[in-house]
Protein backbone atom coordinates (compact mmCIF):
# COMPACT_ATOMS: atom_id res chain seq x y z
CA UNK A 1 -193.86 -201.99 -186.24
CA UNK A 2 -193.69 -202.97 -182.67
CA UNK A 3 -194.24 -206.04 -180.87
CA UNK A 4 -197.20 -206.80 -178.45
CA UNK A 5 -197.80 -209.31 -175.98
CA UNK A 6 -200.86 -209.72 -173.64
CA UNK A 7 -200.51 -211.00 -169.97
CA UNK A 8 -203.33 -211.71 -167.41
CA UNK A 9 -202.67 -210.80 -163.85
CA UNK A 10 -205.32 -211.05 -161.23
CA UNK A 11 -208.44 -209.38 -162.61
CA UNK A 12 -206.42 -207.29 -165.18
CA UNK A 13 -205.14 -207.55 -168.70
CA UNK A 14 -201.96 -206.14 -169.46
CA UNK A 15 -201.11 -205.33 -172.89
CA UNK A 16 -197.44 -204.70 -173.14
CA UNK A 17 -195.68 -203.55 -176.58
CA UNK A 18 -192.29 -202.43 -177.73
CA UNK A 19 -192.52 -199.27 -179.84
CA UNK A 20 -189.52 -198.83 -182.24
CA UNK A 21 -187.57 -195.55 -181.98
CA UNK A 22 -185.63 -193.99 -184.86
CA UNK A 23 -182.16 -194.93 -183.31
CA UNK A 24 -182.91 -198.85 -183.52
CA UNK A 25 -183.93 -198.90 -179.61
CA UNK A 26 -187.39 -199.66 -178.38
CA UNK A 27 -189.59 -197.81 -175.77
CA UNK A 28 -192.36 -199.60 -173.70
CA UNK A 29 -195.68 -198.96 -173.83
CA UNK A 30 -198.38 -200.36 -171.36
CA UNK A 31 -202.08 -200.42 -171.58
CA UNK A 32 -204.15 -201.86 -168.60
CA UNK A 33 -207.75 -203.10 -168.55
CA UNK A 34 -209.75 -204.50 -165.66
CA UNK A 35 -211.63 -207.55 -166.66
CA UNK A 36 -214.88 -206.65 -165.09
CA UNK A 37 -217.49 -203.93 -165.43
CA UNK A 38 -216.78 -201.02 -165.95
CA UNK A 39 -213.77 -201.92 -168.22
CA UNK A 40 -211.92 -198.78 -169.38
CA UNK A 41 -208.48 -199.27 -170.84
CA UNK A 42 -205.88 -197.05 -169.14
CA UNK A 43 -202.52 -196.18 -170.88
CA UNK A 44 -199.82 -195.97 -168.14
CA UNK A 45 -196.76 -193.90 -168.47
CA UNK A 46 -193.45 -196.02 -168.32
CA UNK A 47 -189.96 -195.50 -167.82
CA UNK A 48 -187.72 -195.88 -170.68
CA UNK A 49 -184.19 -196.60 -170.53
CA UNK A 50 -181.51 -196.10 -173.40
CA UNK A 51 -180.53 -199.14 -175.58
CA UNK A 52 -183.62 -201.30 -174.91
CA UNK A 53 -184.34 -204.16 -176.88
CA UNK A 54 -187.89 -205.37 -177.98
CA UNK A 55 -187.66 -208.09 -175.20
CA UNK A 56 -186.36 -205.73 -172.61
CA UNK A 57 -189.00 -203.18 -173.36
CA UNK A 58 -191.87 -205.64 -173.12
CA UNK A 59 -190.35 -207.05 -169.83
CA UNK A 60 -190.20 -203.56 -168.42
CA UNK A 61 -193.66 -202.66 -169.45
CA UNK A 62 -194.94 -206.00 -167.72
CA UNK A 63 -193.00 -205.28 -164.59
CA UNK A 64 -194.34 -201.73 -164.35
CA UNK A 65 -197.75 -203.23 -165.02
CA UNK A 66 -197.51 -205.42 -162.22
CA UNK A 67 -196.12 -202.68 -160.07
CA UNK A 68 -199.23 -200.52 -161.08
CA UNK A 69 -201.81 -203.20 -160.08
CA UNK A 70 -200.23 -203.56 -156.65
CA UNK A 71 -200.26 -199.96 -156.00
CA UNK A 72 -203.44 -198.63 -157.59
CA UNK A 73 -205.40 -201.71 -158.91
């Protein structure tokens, strides 16, 4: 079971989670929702590095979410 943290950034909600992999490492997962109508959650592809811990995966998802909002939001 993975860990999930929710962050607010500007008008967006970033749902950052860490999905457990078979080898004991974790992969970041990111879902972004705009907090205004129309609100449609978007799953954003994230970069994954080898050997990530839960906290590192969540931090990576958060940083990539901030980058996505700055570039596309």
